[in-house]
Structures are given as structure tokens and as C-alpha cells.
Amino acid sequence: MFLYPSYSKARPEGGFVATFKDIPEAITQGETEAEALAAARDALETALDSTSKTNRAVPLPSKPKARQPVVGASASLSAKILLLNEMITNTSAPRNWRAD
């Protein structure tokens, strides 16, 4: 399972925003920092799944800083990302692939 480092930041108007350096499309929020980080997994999974459908390599997680929260992608999505990235690296991307 991939563990992506997450960042949370207090908003001036209240609440917190959670983001990921490696997956900038994954953004979410919550009333508290804990709520924002709890919602971060759904945001990460959605962004990773969307990125995997574009037939471009999905960024792997960077190394987290000390005590930085991490959010895990599911095992099945992590496996899908590994397979897709390997296929793209080997120019076997399933661009027009159909199971007939």
C-alpha cells in the first residue's frame, strides 16, 4: 500500500485544508484538522483513480518528513498504479486496449 504524505493548513475563515504535494489534484477540507485528514483518503483515492485513467504515469509517494501525517491508498489501487506505471514505462500502455 502506498502512503502519501499529506499537509494540513488552517484557513483564515475557519476549518482546515488537506493537500498532497505528490498529487496536487487531491484537496479536501474539514472543520478540524482531524476531519480534514480523515477526508483526505477519499480525496486521494479519487484523484489517483482519475489520474490512472489518463494513461500517464501516476506519481509515487515521496518520503514523508518526520511526524508528517501520511494517507494510504488502498492495496488494490496501489497495485493498479504499479501495473499502469510499468506498462507506461515499457510503452505498453492500454491506450486503445479492449477485451474482446
PDB file of N, CA and C in Angstrom:
ATOM      1  N   MET A   1       0.843  -1.170   0.000  1.00  0.00           N
ATOM      2  CA  MET A   1       0.000   0.000   0.000  1.00  0.00           C
ATOM      3  C   MET A   1       0.889   1.234   0.000  1.00  0.00           C
ATOM      4  N   PHE A   2       0.556   2.193  -0.877  1.00  0.00           N
ATOM      5  CA  PHE A   2       1.296   3.453  -0.927  1.00  0.00           C
ATOM      6  C   PHE A   2       0.822   4.390   0.179  1.00  0.00           C
ATOM      7  N   LEU A   3       1.779   5.064   0.816  1.00  0.00           N
ATOM      8  CA  LEU A   3       1.473   6.047   1.848  1.00  0.00           C
ATOM      9  C   LEU A   3       1.941   7.408   1.370  1.00  0.00           C
ATOM     10  N   TYR A   4       0.997   8.290   1.076  1.00  0.00           N
ATOM     11  CA  TYR A   4       1.305   9.622   0.564  1.00  0.00           C
ATOM     12  C   TYR A   4       1.346  10.632   1.710  1.00  0.00           C
ATOM     13  N   PRO A   5       2.434  11.408   1.807  1.00  0.00           N
ATOM     14  CA  PRO A   5       2.499  12.455   2.832  1.00  0.00           C
ATOM     15  C   PRO A   5       1.435  13.519   2.574  1.00  0.00           C
ATOM     16  N   SER A   6       0.778  13.941   3.635  1.00  0.00           N
ATOM     17  CA  SER A   6      -0.257  14.964   3.491  1.00  0.00           C
ATOM     18  C   SER A   6       0.119  16.203   4.298  1.00  0.00           C
ATOM     19  N   TYR A   7      -0.484  17.297   3.909  1.00  0.00           N
ATOM     20  CA  TYR A   7      -0.266  18.584   4.562  1.00  0.00           C
ATOM     21  C   TYR A   7      -1.621  19.135   4.958  1.00  0.00           C
ATOM     22  N   SER A   8      -1.719  19.693   6.137  1.00  0.00           N
ATOM     23  CA  SER A   8      -2.954  20.364   6.532  1.00  0.00           C
ATOM     24  C   SER A   8      -2.617  21.787   6.946  1.00  0.00           C
ATOM     25  N   LYS A   9      -3.527  22.675   6.623  1.00  0.00           N
ATOM     26  CA  LYS A   9      -3.305  24.097   6.892  1.00  0.00           C
ATOM     27  C   LYS A   9      -4.609  24.715   7.364  1.00  0.00           C
ATOM     28  N   ALA A  10      -4.504  25.510   8.421  1.00  0.00           N
ATOM     29  CA  ALA A  10      -5.686  26.230   8.916  1.00  0.00           C
ATOM     30  C   ALA A  10      -6.072  27.310   7.921  1.00  0.00           C
ATOM     31  N   ARG A  11      -7.364  27.471   7.715  1.00  0.00           N
ATOM     32  CA  ARG A  11      -7.877  28.509   6.823  1.00  0.00           C
ATOM     33  C   ARG A  11      -8.260  29.719   7.656  1.00  0.00           C
ATOM     34  N   PRO A  12      -8.019  30.929   7.148  1.00  0.00           N
ATOM     35  CA  PRO A  12      -8.352  32.147   7.908  1.00  0.00           C
ATOM     36  C   PRO A  12      -9.832  32.229   8.284  1.00  0.00           C
ATOM     37  N   GLU A  13     -10.691  31.715   7.406  1.00  0.00           N
ATOM     38  CA  GLU A  13     -12.128  31.780   7.670  1.00  0.00           C
ATOM     39  C   GLU A  13     -12.626  30.625   8.534  1.00  0.00           C
ATOM     40  N   GLY A  14     -11.707  29.748   8.926  1.00  0.00           N
ATOM     41  CA  GLY A  14     -12.052  28.609   9.773  1.00  0.00           C
ATOM     42  C   GLY A  14     -11.902  27.297   9.035  1.00  0.00           C
ATOM     43  N   GLY A  15     -11.676  26.263   9.770  1.00  0.00           N
ATOM     44  CA  GLY A  15     -11.507  24.947   9.191  1.00  0.00           C
ATOM     45  C   GLY A  15     -10.079  24.707   8.724  1.00  0.00           C
ATOM     46  N   PHE A  16      -9.872  23.535   8.144  1.00  0.00           N
ATOM     47  CA  PHE A  16      -8.557  23.118   7.681  1.00  0.00           C
ATOM     48  C   PHE A  16      -8.655  22.551   6.275  1.00  0.00           C
ATOM     49  N   VAL A  17      -7.595  22.712   5.516  1.00  0.00           N
ATOM     50  CA  VAL A  17      -7.479  22.139   4.175  1.00  0.00           C
ATOM     51  C   VAL A  17      -6.369  21.106   4.206  1.00  0.00           C
ATOM     52  N   ALA A  18      -6.618  19.959   3.594  1.00  0.00           N
ATOM     53  CA  ALA A  18      -5.604  18.906   3.481  1.00  0.00           C
ATOM     54  C   ALA A  18      -5.236  18.738   2.013  1.00  0.00           C
ATOM     55  N   THR A  19      -3.929  18.681   1.735  1.00  0.00           N
ATOM     56  CA  THR A  19      -3.426  18.545   0.366  1.00  0.00           C
ATOM     57  C   THR A  19      -2.286  17.527   0.339  1.00  0.00           C
ATOM     58  N   PHE A  20      -1.856  17.225  -0.886  1.00  0.00           N
ATOM     59  CA  PHE A  20      -0.754  16.290  -1.114  1.00  0.00           C
ATOM     60  C   PHE A  20       0.198  16.894  -2.133  1.00  0.00           C
ATOM     61  N   LYS A  21       1.481  16.982  -1.792  1.00  0.00           N
ATOM     62  CA  LYS A  21       2.479  17.515  -2.720  1.00  0.00           C
ATOM     63  C   LYS A  21       2.567  16.642  -3.977  1.00  0.00           C
ATOM     64  N   ASP A  22       2.505  15.327  -3.792  1.00  0.00           N
ATOM     65  CA  ASP A  22       2.679  14.398  -4.911  1.00  0.00           C
ATOM     66  C   ASP A  22       1.457  14.334  -5.823  1.00  0.00           C
ATOM     67  N   ILE A  23       0.294  14.598  -5.280  1.00  0.00           N
ATOM     68  CA  ILE A  23      -0.961  14.521  -6.035  1.00  0.00           C
ATOM     69  C   ILE A  23      -1.722  15.826  -5.801  1.00  0.00           C
ATOM     70  N   PRO A  24      -1.376  16.898  -6.523  1.00  0.00           N
ATOM     71  CA  PRO A  24      -1.990  18.201  -6.253  1.00  0.00           C
ATOM     72  C   PRO A  24      -3.496  18.249  -6.501  1.00  0.00           C
ATOM     73  N   GLU A  25      -4.025  17.312  -7.269  1.00  0.00           N
ATOM     74  CA  GLU A  25      -5.472  17.286  -7.524  1.00  0.00           C
ATOM     75  C   GLU A  25      -6.263  16.856  -6.289  1.00  0.00           C
ATOM     76  N   ALA A  26      -5.596  16.237  -5.336  1.00  0.00           N
ATOM     77  CA  ALA A  26      -6.262  15.738  -4.126  1.00  0.00           C
ATOM     78  C   ALA A  26      -6.296  16.841  -3.073  1.00  0.00           C
ATOM     79  N   ILE A  27      -7.442  17.455  -2.942  1.00  0.00           N
ATOM     80  CA  ILE A  27      -7.637  18.545  -1.982  1.00  0.00           C
ATOM     81  C   ILE A  27      -8.962  18.299  -1.261  1.00  0.00           C
ATOM     82  N   THR A  28      -8.957  18.511   0.039  1.00  0.00           N
ATOM     83  CA  THR A  28     -10.190  18.367   0.807  1.00  0.00           C
ATOM     84  C   THR A  28     -10.138  19.286   2.013  1.00  0.00           C
ATOM     85  N   GLN A  29     -11.209  19.308   2.774  1.00  0.00           N
ATOM     86  CA  GLN A  29     -11.245  20.183   3.937  1.00  0.00           C
ATOM     87  C   GLN A  29     -12.078  19.562   5.040  1.00  0.00           C
ATOM     88  N   GLY A  30     -11.993  20.155   6.215  1.00  0.00           N
ATOM     89  CA  GLY A  30     -12.784  19.729   7.359  1.00  0.00           C
ATOM     90  C   GLY A  30     -12.834  20.836   8.389  1.00  0.00           C
ATOM     91  N   GLU A  31     -13.781  20.726   9.287  1.00  0.00           N
ATOM     92  CA  GLU A  31     -13.903  21.729  10.348  1.00  0.00           C
ATOM     93  C   GLU A  31     -12.699  21.693  11.288  1.00  0.00           C
ATOM     94  N   THR A  32     -12.158  20.487  11.499  1.00  0.00           N
ATOM     95  CA  THR A  32     -10.977  20.326  12.343  1.00  0.00           C
ATOM     96  C   THR A  32      -9.878  19.693  11.507  1.00  0.00           C
ATOM     97  N   GLU A  33      -8.665  19.739  12.021  1.00  0.00           N
ATOM     98  CA  GLU A  33      -7.552  19.100  11.304  1.00  0.00           C
ATOM     99  C   GLU A  33      -7.792  17.604  11.174  1.00  0.00           C
ATOM    100  N   ALA A  34      -8.323  16.990  12.217  1.00  0.00           N
ATOM    101  CA  ALA A  34      -8.607  15.550  12.178  1.00  0.00           C
ATOM    102  C   ALA A  34      -9.654  15.226  11.106  1.00  0.00           C
ATOM    103  N   GLU A  35     -10.691  16.057  10.984  1.00  0.00           N
ATOM    104  CA  GLU A  35     -11.709  15.835   9.952  1.00  0.00           C
ATOM    105  C   GLU A  35     -11.126  15.995   8.556  1.00  0.00           C
ATOM    106  N   ALA A  36     -10.269  16.978   8.376  1.00  0.00           N
ATOM    107  CA  ALA A  36      -9.640  17.191   7.067  1.00  0.00           C
ATOM    108  C   ALA A  36      -8.773  15.994   6.691  1.00  0.00           C
ATOM    109  N   LEU A  37      -7.994  15.481   7.634  1.00  0.00           N
ATOM    110  CA  LEU A  37      -7.137  14.332   7.346  1.00  0.00           C
ATOM    111  C   LEU A  37      -7.958  13.066   7.133  1.00  0.00           C
ATOM    112  N   ALA A  38      -9.082  12.952   7.837  1.00  0.00           N
ATOM    113  CA  ALA A  38      -9.956  11.793   7.623  1.00  0.00           C
ATOM    114  C   ALA A  38     -10.558  11.822   6.217  1.00  0.00           C
ATOM    115  N   ALA A  39     -10.914  12.998   5.737  1.00  0.00           N
ATOM    116  CA  ALA A  39     -11.478  13.138   4.388  1.00  0.00           C
ATOM    117  C   ALA A  39     -10.404  13.016   3.310  1.00  0.00           C
ATOM    118  N   ALA A  40      -9.158  13.138   3.703  1.00  0.00           N
ATOM    119  CA  ALA A  40      -8.060  13.132   2.737  1.00  0.00           C
ATOM    120  C   ALA A  40      -7.944  11.809   1.993  1.00  0.00           C
ATOM    121  N   ARG A  41      -8.273  10.704   2.633  1.00  0.00           N
ATOM    122  CA  ARG A  41      -8.172   9.414   1.943  1.00  0.00           C
ATOM    123  C   ARG A  41      -9.114   9.349   0.746  1.00  0.00           C
ATOM    124  N   ASP A  42     -10.351   9.800   0.916  1.00  0.00           N
ATOM    125  CA  ASP A  42     -11.296   9.807  -0.209  1.00  0.00           C
ATOM    126  C   ASP A  42     -10.789  10.706  -1.333  1.00  0.00           C
ATOM    127  N   ALA A  43     -10.281  11.881  -0.960  1.00  0.00           N
ATOM    128  CA  ALA A  43      -9.758  12.807  -1.973  1.00  0.00           C
ATOM    129  C   ALA A  43      -8.569  12.182  -2.703  1.00  0.00           C
ATOM    130  N   LEU A  44      -7.686  11.525  -1.962  1.00  0.00           N
ATOM    131  CA  LEU A  44      -6.520  10.884  -2.571  1.00  0.00           C
ATOM    132  C   LEU A  44      -6.948   9.758  -3.500  1.00  0.00           C
ATOM    133  N   GLU A  45      -7.836   8.889  -3.031  1.00  0.00           N
ATOM    134  CA  GLU A  45      -8.288   7.756  -3.853  1.00  0.00           C
ATOM    135  C   GLU A  45      -8.955   8.243  -5.147  1.00  0.00           C
ATOM    136  N   THR A  46      -9.786   9.267  -5.043  1.00  0.00           N
ATOM    137  CA  THR A  46     -10.463   9.804  -6.226  1.00  0.00           C
ATOM    138  C   THR A  46      -9.460  10.373  -7.218  1.00  0.00           C
ATOM    139  N   ALA A  47      -8.503  11.154  -6.717  1.00  0.00           N
ATOM    140  CA  ALA A  47      -7.502  11.764  -7.602  1.00  0.00           C
ATOM    141  C   ALA A  47      -6.604  10.699  -8.228  1.00  0.00           C
ATOM    142  N   LEU A  48      -6.191   9.709  -7.461  1.00  0.00           N
ATOM    143  CA  LEU A  48      -5.335   8.649  -8.009  1.00  0.00           C
ATOM    144  C   LEU A  48      -6.081   7.849  -9.072  1.00  0.00           C
ATOM    145  N   ASP A  49      -7.329   7.534  -8.801  1.00  0.00           N
ATOM    146  CA  ASP A  49      -8.114   6.778  -9.768  1.00  0.00           C
ATOM    147  C   ASP A  49      -8.319   7.587 -11.048  1.00  0.00           C
ATOM    148  N   SER A  50      -8.596   8.865 -10.912  1.00  0.00           N
ATOM    149  CA  SER A  50      -8.764   9.722 -12.098  1.00  0.00           C
ATOM    150  C   SER A  50      -7.478   9.830 -12.894  1.00  0.00           C
ATOM    151  N   THR A  51      -6.364  10.018 -12.208  1.00  0.00           N
ATOM    152  CA  THR A  51      -5.071  10.130 -12.886  1.00  0.00           C
ATOM    153  C   THR A  51      -4.723   8.838 -13.610  1.00  0.00           C
ATOM    154  N   SER A  52      -5.055   7.697 -13.001  1.00  0.00           N
ATOM    155  CA  SER A  52      -4.717   6.416 -13.631  1.00  0.00           C
ATOM    156  C   SER A  52      -5.481   6.212 -14.936  1.00  0.00           C
ATOM    157  N   LYS A  53      -6.605   6.890 -15.118  1.00  0.00           N
ATOM    158  CA  LYS A  53      -7.406   6.747 -16.340  1.00  0.00           C
ATOM    159  C   LYS A  53      -6.907   7.629 -17.478  1.00  0.00           C
ATOM    160  N   THR A  54      -5.895   8.448 -17.235  1.00  0.00           N
ATOM    161  CA  THR A  54      -5.378   9.343 -18.265  1.00  0.00           C
ATOM    162  C   THR A  54      -4.234   8.729 -19.059  1.00  0.00           C
ATOM    163  N   ASN A  55      -3.849   7.510 -18.717  1.00  0.00           N
ATOM    164  CA  ASN A  55      -2.735   6.826 -19.379  1.00  0.00           C
ATOM    165  C   ASN A  55      -1.426   7.594 -19.259  1.00  0.00           C
ATOM    166  N   ARG A  56      -1.243   8.264 -18.143  1.00  0.00           N
ATOM    167  CA  ARG A  56       0.053   8.845 -17.831  1.00  0.00           C
ATOM    168  C   ARG A  56       0.474   8.317 -16.470  1.00  0.00           C
ATOM    169  N   ALA A  57       1.759   8.281 -16.253  1.00  0.00           N
ATOM    170  CA  ALA A  57       2.274   7.707 -15.013  1.00  0.00           C
ATOM    171  C   ALA A  57       1.717   8.451 -13.801  1.00  0.00           C
ATOM    172  N   VAL A  58       1.386   7.690 -12.790  1.00  0.00           N
ATOM    173  CA  VAL A  58       0.880   8.250 -11.547  1.00  0.00           C
ATOM    174  C   VAL A  58       2.069   8.455 -10.610  1.00  0.00           C
ATOM    175  N   PRO A  59       2.232   9.650 -10.048  1.00  0.00           N
ATOM    176  CA  PRO A  59       3.359   9.890  -9.151  1.00  0.00           C
ATOM    177  C   PRO A  59       3.320   8.968  -7.932  1.00  0.00           C
ATOM    178  N   LEU A  60       4.453   8.393  -7.627  1.00  0.00           N
ATOM    179  CA  LEU A  60       4.566   7.577  -6.425  1.00  0.00           C
ATOM    180  C   LEU A  60       4.791   8.500  -5.233  1.00  0.00           C
ATOM    181  N   PRO A  61       4.509   8.023  -4.032  1.00  0.00           N
ATOM    182  CA  PRO A  61       4.643   8.904  -2.873  1.00  0.00           C
ATOM    183  C   PRO A  61       6.089   9.277  -2.576  1.00  0.00           C
ATOM    184  N   SER A  62       6.276  10.519  -2.160  1.00  0.00           N
ATOM    185  CA  SER A  62       7.598  10.956  -1.722  1.00  0.00           C
ATOM    186  C   SER A  62       7.786  10.538  -0.263  1.00  0.00           C
ATOM    187  N   LYS A  63       8.987  10.692   0.222  1.00  0.00           N
ATOM    188  CA  LYS A  63       9.279  10.324   1.604  1.00  0.00           C
ATOM    189  C   LYS A  63       8.698  11.389   2.536  1.00  0.00           C
ATOM    190  N   PRO A  64       7.920  10.966   3.537  1.00  0.00           N
ATOM    191  CA  PRO A  64       7.360  11.963   4.457  1.00  0.00           C
ATOM    192  C   PRO A  64       8.437  12.529   5.381  1.00  0.00           C
ATOM    193  N   LYS A  65       8.189  13.742   5.825  1.00  0.00           N
ATOM    194  CA  LYS A  65       9.059  14.365   6.814  1.00  0.00           C
ATOM    195  C   LYS A  65       8.752  13.750   8.174  1.00  0.00           C
ATOM    196  N   ALA A  66       9.618  13.962   9.129  1.00  0.00           N
ATOM    197  CA  ALA A  66       9.401  13.438  10.474  1.00  0.00           C
ATOM    198  C   ALA A  66       8.056  13.921  11.012  1.00  0.00           C
ATOM    199  N   ARG A  67       7.262  13.000  11.509  1.00  0.00           N
ATOM    200  CA  ARG A  67       5.948  13.268  12.114  1.00  0.00           C
ATOM    201  C   ARG A  67       4.909  13.829  11.150  1.00  0.00           C
ATOM    202  N   GLN A  68       5.172  13.749   9.862  1.00  0.00           N
ATOM    203  CA  GLN A  68       4.191  14.220   8.883  1.00  0.00           C
ATOM    204  C   GLN A  68       3.127  13.147   8.707  1.00  0.00           C
ATOM    205  N   PRO A  69       1.859  13.526   8.724  1.00  0.00           N
ATOM    206  CA  PRO A  69       0.806  12.534   8.505  1.00  0.00           C
ATOM    207  C   PRO A  69       0.896  11.934   7.105  1.00  0.00           C
ATOM    208  N   VAL A  70       0.572  10.665   7.003  1.00  0.00           N
ATOM    209  CA  VAL A  70       0.507  10.001   5.702  1.00  0.00           C
ATOM    210  C   VAL A  70      -0.890   9.419   5.534  1.00  0.00           C
ATOM    211  N   VAL A  71      -1.300   9.325   4.287  1.00  0.00           N
ATOM    212  CA  VAL A  71      -2.608   8.766   3.949  1.00  0.00           C
ATOM    213  C   VAL A  71      -2.368   7.631   2.975  1.00  0.00           C
ATOM    214  N   GLY A  72      -2.959   6.486   3.259  1.00  0.00           N
ATOM    215  CA  GLY A  72      -2.733   5.305   2.434  1.00  0.00           C
ATOM    216  C   GLY A  72      -3.746   5.139   1.324  1.00  0.00           C
ATOM    217  N   ALA A  73      -3.237   4.789   0.157  1.00  0.00           N
ATOM    218  CA  ALA A  73      -4.108   4.364  -0.941  1.00  0.00           C
ATOM    219  C   ALA A  73      -4.416   2.890  -0.704  1.00  0.00           C
ATOM    220  N   SER A  74      -5.565   2.435  -1.124  1.00  0.00           N
ATOM    221  CA  SER A  74      -5.928   1.029  -0.924  1.00  0.00           C
ATOM    222  C   SER A  74      -4.919   0.120  -1.629  1.00  0.00           C
ATOM    223  N   ALA A  75      -4.855  -1.102  -1.166  1.00  0.00           N
ATOM    224  CA  ALA A  75      -3.930  -2.071  -1.765  1.00  0.00           C
ATOM    225  C   ALA A  75      -4.263  -2.305  -3.236  1.00  0.00           C
ATOM    226  N   SER A  76      -5.560  -2.391  -3.562  1.00  0.00           N
ATOM    227  CA  SER A  76      -5.927  -2.652  -4.958  1.00  0.00           C
ATOM    228  C   SER A  76      -5.575  -1.471  -5.854  1.00  0.00           C
ATOM    229  N   LEU A  77      -5.778  -0.243  -5.378  1.00  0.00           N
ATOM    230  CA  LEU A  77      -5.424   0.928  -6.180  1.00  0.00           C
ATOM    231  C   LEU A  77      -3.905   1.053  -6.291  1.00  0.00           C
ATOM    232  N   SER A  78      -3.187   0.743  -5.237  1.00  0.00           N
ATOM    233  CA  SER A  78      -1.717   0.774  -5.294  1.00  0.00           C
ATOM    234  C   SER A  78      -1.205  -0.218  -6.337  1.00  0.00           C
ATOM    235  N   ALA A  79      -1.797  -1.409  -6.374  1.00  0.00           N
ATOM    236  CA  ALA A  79      -1.402  -2.410  -7.368  1.00  0.00           C
ATOM    237  C   ALA A  79      -1.720  -1.935  -8.789  1.00  0.00           C
ATOM    238  N   LYS A  80      -2.873  -1.319  -8.953  1.00  0.00           N
ATOM    239  CA  LYS A  80      -3.267  -0.777 -10.267  1.00  0.00           C
ATOM    240  C   LYS A  80      -2.269   0.283 -10.726  1.00  0.00           C
ATOM    241  N   ILE A  81      -1.842   1.143  -9.812  1.00  0.00           N
ATOM    242  CA  ILE A  81      -0.879   2.194 -10.141  1.00  0.00           C
ATOM    243  C   ILE A  81       0.457   1.584 -10.545  1.00  0.00           C
ATOM    244  N   LEU A  82       0.922   0.599  -9.791  1.00  0.00           N
ATOM    245  CA  LEU A  82       2.188  -0.061 -10.140  1.00  0.00           C
ATOM    246  C   LEU A  82       2.124  -0.684 -11.528  1.00  0.00           C
ATOM    247  N   LEU A  83       1.035  -1.375 -11.816  1.00  0.00           N
ATOM    248  CA  LEU A  83       0.874  -2.015 -13.122  1.00  0.00           C
ATOM    249  C   LEU A  83       0.813  -0.974 -14.237  1.00  0.00           C
ATOM    250  N   LEU A  84       0.009   0.051 -14.052  1.00  0.00           N
ATOM    251  CA  LEU A  84      -0.112   1.089 -15.068  1.00  0.00           C
ATOM    252  C   LEU A  84       1.228   1.776 -15.312  1.00  0.00           C
ATOM    253  N   ASN A  85       1.921   2.157 -14.247  1.00  0.00           N
ATOM    254  CA  ASN A  85       3.218   2.816 -14.409  1.00  0.00           C
ATOM    255  C   ASN A  85       4.209   1.911 -15.129  1.00  0.00           C
ATOM    256  N   GLU A  86       4.190   0.632 -14.825  1.00  0.00           N
ATOM    257  CA  GLU A  86       5.089  -0.310 -15.502  1.00  0.00           C
ATOM    258  C   GLU A  86       4.732  -0.412 -16.984  1.00  0.00           C
ATOM    259  N   MET A  87       3.458  -0.455 -17.299  1.00  0.00           N
ATOM    260  CA  MET A  87       3.033  -0.541 -18.697  1.00  0.00           C
ATOM    261  C   MET A  87       3.426   0.724 -19.454  1.00  0.00           C
ATOM    262  N   ILE A  88       3.277   1.873 -18.838  1.00  0.00           N
ATOM    263  CA  ILE A  88       3.654   3.126 -19.493  1.00  0.00           C
ATOM    264  C   ILE A  88       5.160   3.189 -19.686  1.00  0.00           C
ATOM    265  N   THR A  89       5.910   2.783 -18.678  1.00  0.00           N
ATOM    266  CA  THR A  89       7.376   2.773 -18.780  1.00  0.00           C
ATOM    267  C   THR A  89       7.836   1.879 -19.917  1.00  0.00           C
ATOM    268  N   ASN A  90       7.155   0.784 -20.114  1.00  0.00           N
ATOM    269  CA  ASN A  90       7.524  -0.165 -21.164  1.00  0.00           C
ATOM    270  C   ASN A  90       6.761   0.087 -22.458  1.00  0.00           C
ATOM    271  N   THR A  91       6.137   1.245 -22.560  1.00  0.00           N
ATOM    272  CA  THR A  91       5.351   1.661 -23.733  1.00  0.00           C
ATOM    273  C   THR A  91       4.298   0.646 -24.141  1.00  0.00           C
ATOM    274  N   SER A  92       3.735  -0.023 -23.166  1.00  0.00           N
ATOM    275  CA  SER A  92       2.648  -0.950 -23.423  1.00  0.00           C
ATOM    276  C   SER A  92       1.352  -0.423 -22.834  1.00  0.00           C
ATOM    277  N   ALA A  93       1.229   0.875 -22.753  1.00  0.00           N
ATOM    278  CA  ALA A  93       0.057   1.481 -22.119  1.00  0.00           C
ATOM    279  C   ALA A  93      -1.218   1.024 -22.816  1.00  0.00           C
ATOM    280  N   PRO A  94      -2.257   0.768 -22.060  1.00  0.00           N
ATOM    281  CA  PRO A  94      -3.512   0.281 -22.625  1.00  0.00           C
ATOM    282  C   PRO A  94      -4.342   1.396 -23.254  1.00  0.00           C
ATOM    283  N   ARG A  95      -3.753   2.147 -24.193  1.00  0.00           N
ATOM    284  CA  ARG A  95      -4.445   3.303 -24.772  1.00  0.00           C
ATOM    285  C   ARG A  95      -5.720   2.904 -25.509  1.00  0.00           C
ATOM    286  N   ASN A  96      -5.633   1.921 -26.371  1.00  0.00           N
ATOM    287  CA  ASN A  96      -6.812   1.521 -27.145  1.00  0.00           C
ATOM    288  C   ASN A  96      -7.127   0.053 -26.908  1.00  0.00           C
ATOM    289  N   TRP A  97      -6.754  -0.420 -25.745  1.00  0.00           N
ATOM    290  CA  TRP A  97      -6.929  -1.824 -25.424  1.00  0.00           C
ATOM    291  C   TRP A  97      -8.380  -2.127 -25.129  1.00  0.00           C
ATOM    292  N   ARG A  98      -8.852  -3.241 -25.702  1.00  0.00           N
ATOM    293  CA  ARG A  98     -10.214  -3.712 -25.417  1.00  0.00           C
ATOM    294  C   ARG A  98     -10.166  -5.200 -25.200  1.00  0.00           C
ATOM    295  N   ALA A  99     -10.926  -5.662 -24.259  1.00  0.00           N
ATOM    296  CA  ALA A  99     -11.054  -7.101 -24.058  1.00  0.00           C
ATOM    297  C   ALA A  99     -12.203  -7.579 -24.935  1.00  0.00           C
ATOM    298  N   ASP A 100     -11.888  -8.376 -25.945  1.00  0.00           N
ATOM    299  CA  ASP A 100     -12.935  -8.889 -26.848  1.00  0.00           C
ATOM    300  C   ASP A 100     -13.182 -10.348 -26.597  1.00  0.00           C
TER     301      ASP A 100
END
